[in-house]
PDB file of N, CA and C in Angstrom:
ATOM      1  N   MET A   1       0.822  -1.195   0.000  1.00  0.00           N
ATOM      2  CA  MET A   1       0.000   0.000   0.000  1.00  0.00           C
ATOM      3  C   MET A   1       0.870   1.265   0.000  1.00  0.00           C
ATOM      4  N   GLU A   2       1.908   1.232   0.820  1.00  0.00           N
ATOM      5  CA  GLU A   2       2.786   2.379   0.918  1.00  0.00           C
ATOM      6  C   GLU A   2       3.518   2.617  -0.405  1.00  0.00           C
ATOM      7  N   ASN A   3       3.967   1.550  -1.048  1.00  0.00           N
ATOM      8  CA  ASN A   3       4.666   1.672  -2.329  1.00  0.00           C
ATOM      9  C   ASN A   3       3.762   2.271  -3.402  1.00  0.00           C
ATOM     10  N   GLN A   4       2.505   1.899  -3.403  1.00  0.00           N
ATOM     11  CA  GLN A   4       1.570   2.444  -4.383  1.00  0.00           C
ATOM     12  C   GLN A   4       1.382   3.939  -4.161  1.00  0.00           C
ATOM     13  N   PHE A   5       1.294   4.341  -2.906  1.00  0.00           N
ATOM     14  CA  PHE A   5       1.123   5.753  -2.585  1.00  0.00           C
ATOM     15  C   PHE A   5       2.353   6.549  -3.021  1.00  0.00           C
ATOM     16  N   LEU A   6       3.541   6.020  -2.741  1.00  0.00           N
ATOM     17  CA  LEU A   6       4.770   6.702  -3.146  1.00  0.00           C
ATOM     18  C   LEU A   6       4.889   6.759  -4.666  1.00  0.00           C
ATOM     19  N   SER A   7       4.479   5.708  -5.327  1.00  0.00           N
ATOM     20  CA  SER A   7       4.495   5.698  -6.791  1.00  0.00           C
ATOM     21  C   SER A   7       3.546   6.752  -7.347  1.00  0.00           C
ATOM     22  N   LEU A   8       2.390   6.891  -6.726  1.00  0.00           N
ATOM     23  CA  LEU A   8       1.423   7.901  -7.148  1.00  0.00           C
ATOM     24  C   LEU A   8       1.992   9.303  -6.953  1.00  0.00           C
ATOM     25  N   LEU A   9       2.624   9.546  -5.810  1.00  0.00           N
ATOM     26  CA  LEU A   9       3.235  10.855  -5.552  1.00  0.00           C
ATOM     27  C   LEU A   9       4.357  11.142  -6.552  1.00  0.00           C
ATOM     28  N   ALA A  10       5.160  10.139  -6.849  1.00  0.00           N
ATOM     29  CA  ALA A  10       6.242  10.315  -7.816  1.00  0.00           C
ATOM     30  C   ALA A  10       5.678  10.645  -9.196  1.00  0.00           C
ATOM     31  N   TYR A  11       4.602   9.984  -9.567  1.00  0.00           N
ATOM     32  CA  TYR A  11       3.966  10.232 -10.860  1.00  0.00           C
ATOM     33  C   TYR A  11       3.432  11.664 -10.931  1.00  0.00           C
ATOM     34  N   VAL A  12       2.755  12.095  -9.872  1.00  0.00           N
ATOM     35  CA  VAL A  12       2.196  13.452  -9.841  1.00  0.00           C
ATOM     36  C   VAL A  12       3.321  14.484  -9.911  1.00  0.00           C
ATOM     37  N   ALA A  13       4.401  14.243  -9.180  1.00  0.00           N
ATOM     38  CA  ALA A  13       5.529  15.178  -9.193  1.00  0.00           C
ATOM     39  C   ALA A  13       6.153  15.247 -10.587  1.00  0.00           C
ATOM     40  N   GLU A  14       6.297  14.121 -11.237  1.00  0.00           N
ATOM     41  CA  GLU A  14       6.871  14.075 -12.583  1.00  0.00           C
ATOM     42  C   GLU A  14       5.985  14.828 -13.577  1.00  0.00           C
ATOM     43  N   GLN A  15       4.679  14.652 -13.474  1.00  0.00           N
ATOM     44  CA  GLN A  15       3.753  15.362 -14.362  1.00  0.00           C
ATOM     45  C   GLN A  15       3.834  16.868 -14.136  1.00  0.00           C
ATOM     46  N   GLU A  16       3.968  17.269 -12.891  1.00  0.00           N
ATOM     47  CA  GLU A  16       4.069  18.696 -12.586  1.00  0.00           C
ATOM     48  C   GLU A  16       5.366  19.279 -13.145  1.00  0.00           C
ATOM     49  N   ARG A  17       6.466  18.538 -13.032  1.00  0.00           N
ATOM     50  CA  ARG A  17       7.743  18.987 -13.598  1.00  0.00           C
ATOM     51  C   ARG A  17       7.635  19.158 -15.113  1.00  0.00           C
ATOM     52  N   LYS A  18       7.000  18.208 -15.773  1.00  0.00           N
ATOM     53  CA  LYS A  18       6.825  18.306 -17.227  1.00  0.00           C
ATOM     54  C   LYS A  18       5.998  19.532 -17.599  1.00  0.00           C
ATOM     55  N   LYS A  19       4.921  19.755 -16.842  1.00  0.00           N
ATOM     56  CA  LYS A  19       4.056  20.906 -17.109  1.00  0.00           C
ATOM     57  C   LYS A  19       4.833  22.210 -16.916  1.00  0.00           C
ATOM     58  N   ASN A  20       5.610  22.293 -15.833  1.00  0.00           N
ATOM     59  CA  ASN A  20       6.388  23.500 -15.560  1.00  0.00           C
ATOM     60  C   ASN A  20       7.423  23.757 -16.649  1.00  0.00           C
ATOM     61  N   ARG A  21       8.095  22.706 -17.092  1.00  0.00           N
ATOM     62  CA  ARG A  21       9.097  22.871 -18.149  1.00  0.00           C
ATOM     63  C   ARG A  21       8.457  23.323 -19.455  1.00  0.00           C
ATOM     64  N   THR A  22       7.302  22.776 -19.766  1.00  0.00           N
ATOM     65  CA  THR A  22       6.589  23.176 -20.979  1.00  0.00           C
ATOM     66  C   THR A  22       6.194  24.642 -20.901  1.00  0.00           C
ATOM     67  N   GLN A  23       5.647  25.056 -19.765  1.00  0.00           N
ATOM     68  CA  GLN A  23       5.246  26.451 -19.597  1.00  0.00           C
ATOM     69  C   GLN A  23       6.459  27.374 -19.658  1.00  0.00           C
ATOM     70  N   GLN A  24       7.566  26.949 -19.063  1.00  0.00           N
ATOM     71  CA  GLN A  24       8.775  27.757 -19.090  1.00  0.00           C
ATOM     72  C   GLN A  24       9.278  27.915 -20.526  1.00  0.00           C
ATOM     73  N   ALA A  25       9.303  26.824 -21.279  1.00  0.00           N
ATOM     74  CA  ALA A  25       9.756  26.882 -22.670  1.00  0.00           C
ATOM     75  C   ALA A  25       8.857  27.795 -23.498  1.00  0.00           C
ATOM     76  N   GLU A  26       7.551  27.718 -23.272  1.00  0.00           N
ATOM     77  CA  GLU A  26       6.623  28.592 -23.994  1.00  0.00           C
ATOM     78  C   GLU A  26       6.865  30.051 -23.627  1.00  0.00           C
ATOM     79  N   GLY A  27       7.079  30.319 -22.353  1.00  0.00           N
ATOM     80  CA  GLY A  27       7.338  31.686 -21.908  1.00  0.00           C
ATOM     81  C   GLY A  27       8.619  32.248 -22.495  1.00  0.00           C
ATOM     82  N   ILE A  28       9.649  31.430 -22.553  1.00  0.00           N
ATOM     83  CA  ILE A  28      10.916  31.864 -23.137  1.00  0.00           C
ATOM     84  C   ILE A  28      10.742  32.152 -24.621  1.00  0.00           C
ATOM     85  N   GLU A  29      10.012  31.312 -25.306  1.00  0.00           N
ATOM     86  CA  GLU A  29       9.770  31.506 -26.740  1.00  0.00           C
ATOM     87  C   GLU A  29       9.008  32.810 -26.993  1.00  0.00           C
ATOM     88  N   VAL A  30       7.992  33.075 -26.188  1.00  0.00           N
ATOM     89  CA  VAL A  30       7.223  34.317 -26.327  1.00  0.00           C
ATOM     90  C   VAL A  30       8.123  35.522 -26.069  1.00  0.00           C
ATOM     91  N   ALA A  31       8.945  35.436 -25.034  1.00  0.00           N
ATOM     92  CA  ALA A  31       9.842  36.545 -24.703  1.00  0.00           C
ATOM     93  C   ALA A  31      10.831  36.802 -25.839  1.00  0.00           C
ATOM     94  N   ARG A  32      11.356  35.749 -26.428  1.00  0.00           N
ATOM     95  CA  ARG A  32      12.315  35.918 -27.527  1.00  0.00           C
ATOM     96  C   ARG A  32      11.660  36.553 -28.746  1.00  0.00           C
ATOM     97  N   THR A  33      10.415  36.169 -29.041  1.00  0.00           N
ATOM     98  CA  THR A  33       9.734  36.774 -30.189  1.00  0.00           C
ATOM     99  C   THR A  33       9.451  38.250 -29.940  1.00  0.00           C
ATOM    100  N   GLU A  34       9.346  38.631 -28.669  1.00  0.00           N
ATOM    101  CA  GLU A  34       9.131  40.036 -28.324  1.00  0.00           C
ATOM    102  C   GLU A  34      10.441  40.806 -28.217  1.00  0.00           C
ATOM    103  N   GLY A  35      11.563  40.126 -28.442  1.00  0.00           N
ATOM    104  CA  GLY A  35      12.852  40.810 -28.459  1.00  0.00           C
ATOM    105  C   GLY A  35      13.564  40.881 -27.126  1.00  0.00           C
ATOM    106  N   VAL A  36      13.129  40.122 -26.148  1.00  0.00           N
ATOM    107  CA  VAL A  36      13.788  40.120 -24.845  1.00  0.00           C
ATOM    108  C   VAL A  36      15.104  39.368 -24.973  1.00  0.00           C
ATOM    109  N   THR A  37      16.175  39.955 -24.440  1.00  0.00           N
ATOM    110  CA  THR A  37      17.468  39.276 -24.459  1.00  0.00           C
ATOM    111  C   THR A  37      17.729  38.675 -23.090  1.00  0.00           C
ATOM    112  N   PHE A  38      18.408  37.557 -23.080  1.00  0.00           N
ATOM    113  CA  PHE A  38      18.716  36.858 -21.845  1.00  0.00           C
ATOM    114  C   PHE A  38      20.208  36.954 -21.572  1.00  0.00           C
ATOM    115  N   GLY A  39      20.572  36.869 -20.320  1.00  0.00           N
ATOM    116  CA  GLY A  39      21.982  36.858 -19.946  1.00  0.00           C
ATOM    117  C   GLY A  39      22.497  38.244 -19.623  1.00  0.00           C
ATOM    118  N   ARG A  40      23.739  38.260 -19.251  1.00  0.00           N
ATOM    119  CA  ARG A  40      24.388  39.498 -18.862  1.00  0.00           C
ATOM    120  C   ARG A  40      24.671  40.343 -20.103  1.00  0.00           C
ATOM    121  N   THR A  41      24.603  41.662 -19.948  1.00  0.00           N
ATOM    122  CA  THR A  41      24.882  42.541 -21.076  1.00  0.00           C
ATOM    123  C   THR A  41      26.373  42.509 -21.392  1.00  0.00           C
ATOM    124  N   LYS A  42      26.693  42.600 -22.654  1.00  0.00           N
ATOM    125  CA  LYS A  42      28.073  42.532 -23.104  1.00  0.00           C
ATOM    126  C   LYS A  42      28.776  43.842 -22.784  1.00  0.00           C
ATOM    127  N   GLN A  43      30.022  43.736 -22.330  1.00  0.00           N
ATOM    128  CA  GLN A  43      30.801  44.924 -22.030  1.00  0.00           C
ATOM    129  C   GLN A  43      31.376  45.461 -23.334  1.00  0.00           C
ATOM    130  N   GLU A  44      31.028  46.681 -23.654  1.00  0.00           N
ATOM    131  CA  GLU A  44      31.425  47.274 -24.925  1.00  0.00           C
ATOM    132  C   GLU A  44      32.868  47.770 -24.873  1.00  0.00           C
ATOM    133  N   ILE A  45      33.490  47.822 -26.042  1.00  0.00           N
ATOM    134  CA  ILE A  45      34.835  48.387 -26.159  1.00  0.00           C
ATOM    135  C   ILE A  45      34.670  49.895 -26.303  1.00  0.00           C
ATOM    136  N   ASP A  46      35.137  50.616 -25.298  1.00  0.00           N
ATOM    137  CA  ASP A  46      34.992  52.070 -25.311  1.00  0.00           C
ATOM    138  C   ASP A  46      36.361  52.733 -25.521  1.00  0.00           C
ATOM    139  N   ASN A  47      36.363  54.060 -25.483  1.00  0.00           N
ATOM    140  CA  ASN A  47      37.602  54.807 -25.711  1.00  0.00           C
ATOM    141  C   ASN A  47      38.646  54.515 -24.641  1.00  0.00           C
ATOM    142  N   LYS A  48      38.199  54.322 -23.405  1.00  0.00           N
ATOM    143  CA  LYS A  48      39.131  54.019 -22.318  1.00  0.00           C
ATOM    144  C   LYS A  48      39.862  52.712 -22.604  1.00  0.00           C
ATOM    145  N   PHE A  49      39.122  51.699 -23.061  1.00  0.00           N
ATOM    146  CA  PHE A  49      39.752  50.424 -23.400  1.00  0.00           C
ATOM    147  C   PHE A  49      40.776  50.619 -24.510  1.00  0.00           C
ATOM    148  N   ILE A  50      40.416  51.374 -25.532  1.00  0.00           N
ATOM    149  CA  ILE A  50      41.315  51.571 -26.671  1.00  0.00           C
ATOM    150  C   ILE A  50      42.594  52.271 -26.228  1.00  0.00           C
ATOM    151  N   GLU A  51      42.465  53.295 -25.380  1.00  0.00           N
ATOM    152  CA  GLU A  51      43.647  54.008 -24.883  1.00  0.00           C
ATOM    153  C   GLU A  51      44.557  53.074 -24.092  1.00  0.00           C
ATOM    154  N   ILE A  52      43.983  52.330 -23.162  1.00  0.00           N
ATOM    155  CA  ILE A  52      44.765  51.412 -22.337  1.00  0.00           C
ATOM    156  C   ILE A  52      45.350  50.300 -23.204  1.00  0.00           C
ATOM    157  N   TYR A  53      44.593  49.831 -24.188  1.00  0.00           N
ATOM    158  CA  TYR A  53      45.077  48.783 -25.091  1.00  0.00           C
ATOM    159  C   TYR A  53      46.337  49.248 -25.817  1.00  0.00           C
ATOM    160  N   GLU A  54      46.309  50.472 -26.340  1.00  0.00           N
ATOM    161  CA  GLU A  54      47.462  50.996 -27.081  1.00  0.00           C
ATOM    162  C   GLU A  54      48.695  51.067 -26.182  1.00  0.00           C
ATOM    163  N   VAL A  55      48.517  51.545 -24.951  1.00  0.00           N
ATOM    164  CA  VAL A  55      49.637  51.640 -24.010  1.00  0.00           C
ATOM    165  C   VAL A  55      50.121  50.238 -23.637  1.00  0.00           C
ATOM    166  N   TRP A  56      49.192  49.317 -23.411  1.00  0.00           N
ATOM    167  CA  TRP A  56      49.547  47.932 -23.068  1.00  0.00           C
ATOM    168  C   TRP A  56      50.303  47.269 -24.214  1.00  0.00           C
ATOM    169  N   LYS A  57      49.838  47.488 -25.434  1.00  0.00           N
ATOM    170  CA  LYS A  57      50.460  46.864 -26.601  1.00  0.00           C
ATOM    171  C   LYS A  57      51.870  47.410 -26.824  1.00  0.00           C
ATOM    172  N   SER A  58      52.094  48.682 -26.456  1.00  0.00           N
ATOM    173  CA  SER A  58      53.432  49.262 -26.621  1.00  0.00           C
ATOM    174  C   SER A  58      54.402  48.771 -25.547  1.00  0.00           C
ATOM    175  N   GLY A  59      53.884  48.129 -24.512  1.00  0.00           N
ATOM    176  CA  GLY A  59      54.740  47.556 -23.478  1.00  0.00           C
ATOM    177  C   GLY A  59      54.900  48.414 -22.242  1.00  0.00           C
ATOM    178  N   GLU A  60      54.209  49.549 -22.183  1.00  0.00           N
ATOM    179  CA  GLU A  60      54.328  50.422 -21.018  1.00  0.00           C
ATOM    180  C   GLU A  60      53.589  49.864 -19.804  1.00  0.00           C
ATOM    181  N   PHE A  61      52.513  49.113 -20.032  1.00  0.00           N
ATOM    182  CA  PHE A  61      51.747  48.491 -18.949  1.00  0.00           C
ATOM    183  C   PHE A  61      51.895  46.985 -19.037  1.00  0.00           C
ATOM    184  N   THR A  62      51.892  46.353 -17.883  1.00  0.00           N
ATOM    185  CA  THR A  62      51.766  44.901 -17.869  1.00  0.00           C
ATOM    186  C   THR A  62      50.297  44.567 -18.113  1.00  0.00           C
ATOM    187  N   THR A  63      50.040  43.313 -18.411  1.00  0.00           N
ATOM    188  CA  THR A  63      48.658  42.887 -18.626  1.00  0.00           C
ATOM    189  C   THR A  63      47.836  43.112 -17.370  1.00  0.00           C
ATOM    190  N   THR A  64      48.415  42.796 -16.220  1.00  0.00           N
ATOM    191  CA  THR A  64      47.704  42.964 -14.950  1.00  0.00           C
ATOM    192  C   THR A  64      47.359  44.426 -14.708  1.00  0.00           C
ATOM    193  N   GLU A  65      48.301  45.314 -14.996  1.00  0.00           N
ATOM    194  CA  GLU A  65      48.060  46.745 -14.803  1.00  0.00           C
ATOM    195  C   GLU A  65      46.980  47.241 -15.764  1.00  0.00           C
ATOM    196  N   ALA A  66      47.017  46.795 -16.997  1.00  0.00           N
ATOM    197  CA  ALA A  66      46.004  47.203 -17.974  1.00  0.00           C
ATOM    198  C   ALA A  66      44.623  46.729 -17.539  1.00  0.00           C
ATOM    199  N   MET A  67      44.531  45.479 -17.089  1.00  0.00           N
ATOM    200  CA  MET A  67      43.239  44.948 -16.638  1.00  0.00           C
ATOM    201  C   MET A  67      42.728  45.729 -15.432  1.00  0.00           C
ATOM    202  N   ARG A  68      43.621  46.064 -14.511  1.00  0.00           N
ATOM    203  CA  ARG A  68      43.217  46.803 -13.317  1.00  0.00           C
ATOM    204  C   ARG A  68      42.698  48.194 -13.690  1.00  0.00           C
ATOM    205  N   ARG A  69      43.385  48.869 -14.594  1.00  0.00           N
ATOM    206  CA  ARG A  69      42.970  50.223 -14.982  1.00  0.00           C
ATOM    207  C   ARG A  69      41.643  50.238 -15.739  1.00  0.00           C
ATOM    208  N   ILE A  70      41.411  49.212 -16.528  1.00  0.00           N
ATOM    209  CA  ILE A  70      40.153  49.134 -17.270  1.00  0.00           C
ATOM    210  C   ILE A  70      39.030  48.626 -16.378  1.00  0.00           C
ATOM    211  N   GLY A  71      39.387  47.794 -15.397  1.00  0.00           N
ATOM    212  CA  GLY A  71      38.374  47.213 -14.518  1.00  0.00           C
ATOM    213  C   GLY A  71      37.799  45.926 -15.080  1.00  0.00           C
ATOM    214  N   MET A  72      38.627  45.175 -15.793  1.00  0.00           N
ATOM    215  CA  MET A  72      38.184  43.908 -16.377  1.00  0.00           C
ATOM    216  C   MET A  72      38.955  42.761 -15.746  1.00  0.00           C
ATOM    217  N   ARG A  73      38.323  41.620 -15.770  1.00  0.00           N
ATOM    218  CA  ARG A  73      39.015  40.402 -15.362  1.00  0.00           C
ATOM    219  C   ARG A  73      39.711  39.805 -16.580  1.00  0.00           C
ATOM    220  N   LYS A  74      40.568  38.841 -16.319  1.00  0.00           N
ATOM    221  CA  LYS A  74      41.421  38.270 -17.366  1.00  0.00           C
ATOM    222  C   LYS A  74      40.653  37.754 -18.586  1.00  0.00           C
ATOM    223  N   PRO A  75      39.636  36.890 -18.416  1.00  0.00           N
ATOM    224  CA  PRO A  75      38.937  36.390 -19.615  1.00  0.00           C
ATOM    225  C   PRO A  75      38.250  37.496 -20.420  1.00  0.00           C
ATOM    226  N   THR A  76      37.653  38.457 -19.707  1.00  0.00           N
ATOM    227  CA  THR A  76      36.971  39.564 -20.386  1.00  0.00           C
ATOM    228  C   THR A  76      37.980  40.424 -21.137  1.00  0.00           C
ATOM    229  N   PHE A  77      39.124  40.668 -20.503  1.00  0.00           N
ATOM    230  CA  PHE A  77      40.163  41.483 -21.137  1.00  0.00           C
ATOM    231  C   PHE A  77      40.637  40.839 -22.432  1.00  0.00           C
ATOM    232  N   TYR A  78      40.998  39.560 -22.361  1.00  0.00           N
ATOM    233  CA  TYR A  78      41.515  38.895 -23.557  1.00  0.00           C
ATOM    234  C   TYR A  78      40.436  38.724 -24.625  1.00  0.00           C
ATOM    235  N   ARG A  79      39.189  38.536 -24.231  1.00  0.00           N
ATOM    236  CA  ARG A  79      38.090  38.460 -25.199  1.00  0.00           C
ATOM    237  C   ARG A  79      37.935  39.811 -25.904  1.00  0.00           C
ATOM    238  N   SER A  80      38.036  40.899 -25.129  1.00  0.00           N
ATOM    239  CA  SER A  80      37.922  42.237 -25.709  1.00  0.00           C
ATOM    240  C   SER A  80      39.100  42.540 -26.627  1.00  0.00           C
ATOM    241  N   VAL A  81      40.305  42.105 -26.222  1.00  0.00           N
ATOM    242  CA  VAL A  81      41.487  42.299 -27.067  1.00  0.00           C
ATOM    243  C   VAL A  81      41.298  41.575 -28.396  1.00  0.00           C
ATOM    244  N   LYS A  82      40.841  40.335 -28.335  1.00  0.00           N
ATOM    245  CA  LYS A  82      40.630  39.548 -29.553  1.00  0.00           C
ATOM    246  C   LYS A  82      39.591  40.215 -30.457  1.00  0.00           C
ATOM    247  N   GLU A  83      38.511  40.696 -29.848  1.00  0.00           N
ATOM    248  CA  GLU A  83      37.461  41.360 -30.623  1.00  0.00           C
ATOM    249  C   GLU A  83      37.979  42.650 -31.252  1.00  0.00           C
ATOM    250  N   TYR A  84      38.716  43.446 -30.473  1.00  0.00           N
ATOM    251  CA  TYR A  84      39.237  44.716 -30.967  1.00  0.00           C
ATOM    252  C   TYR A  84      40.253  44.491 -32.080  1.00  0.00           C
ATOM    253  N   GLU A  85      41.145  43.522 -31.890  1.00  0.00           N
ATOM    254  CA  GLU A  85      42.141  43.238 -32.921  1.00  0.00           C
ATOM    255  C   GLU A  85      41.482  42.685 -34.185  1.00  0.00           C
ATOM    256  N   GLY A  86      40.373  41.986 -34.025  1.00  0.00           N
ATOM    257  CA  GLY A  86      39.625  41.506 -35.184  1.00  0.00           C
ATOM    258  C   GLY A  86      39.019  42.647 -35.976  1.00  0.00           C
ATOM    259  N   LYS A  87      38.602  43.699 -35.274  1.00  0.00           N
ATOM    260  CA  LYS A  87      38.042  44.868 -35.962  1.00  0.00           C
ATOM    261  C   LYS A  87      39.127  45.643 -36.701  1.00  0.00           C
ATOM    262  N   LEU A  88      40.358  45.608 -36.158  1.00  0.00           N
ATOM    263  CA  LEU A  88      41.455  46.346 -36.781  1.00  0.00           C
ATOM    264  C   LEU A  88      41.905  45.714 -38.093  1.00  0.00           C
ATOM    265  N   SER A  89      41.829  44.399 -38.173  1.00  0.00           N
ATOM    266  CA  SER A  89      42.345  43.727 -39.380  1.00  0.00           C
ATOM    267  C   SER A  89      41.281  43.497 -40.421  1.00  0.00           C
TER     268      SER A  89
END
């Protein structure tokens, strides 16, 4: 008797999870069609980055100093460098 009850509860929980996932997927799809963007906003390359990049590239700043002055962490800095250098070429 107890096993049947637990099986019933497990079934109900599974059905609820499926329903929630379906509703979530529908909501995300509606939001995307309305132009809603998800995730963190991308950090743009601004004039400050370009100035610090030029000084860093000339060797006056270390990478750590350039990152500190711009206020970026290592992955963001190198991603921005790659993007900026791609625009230059």
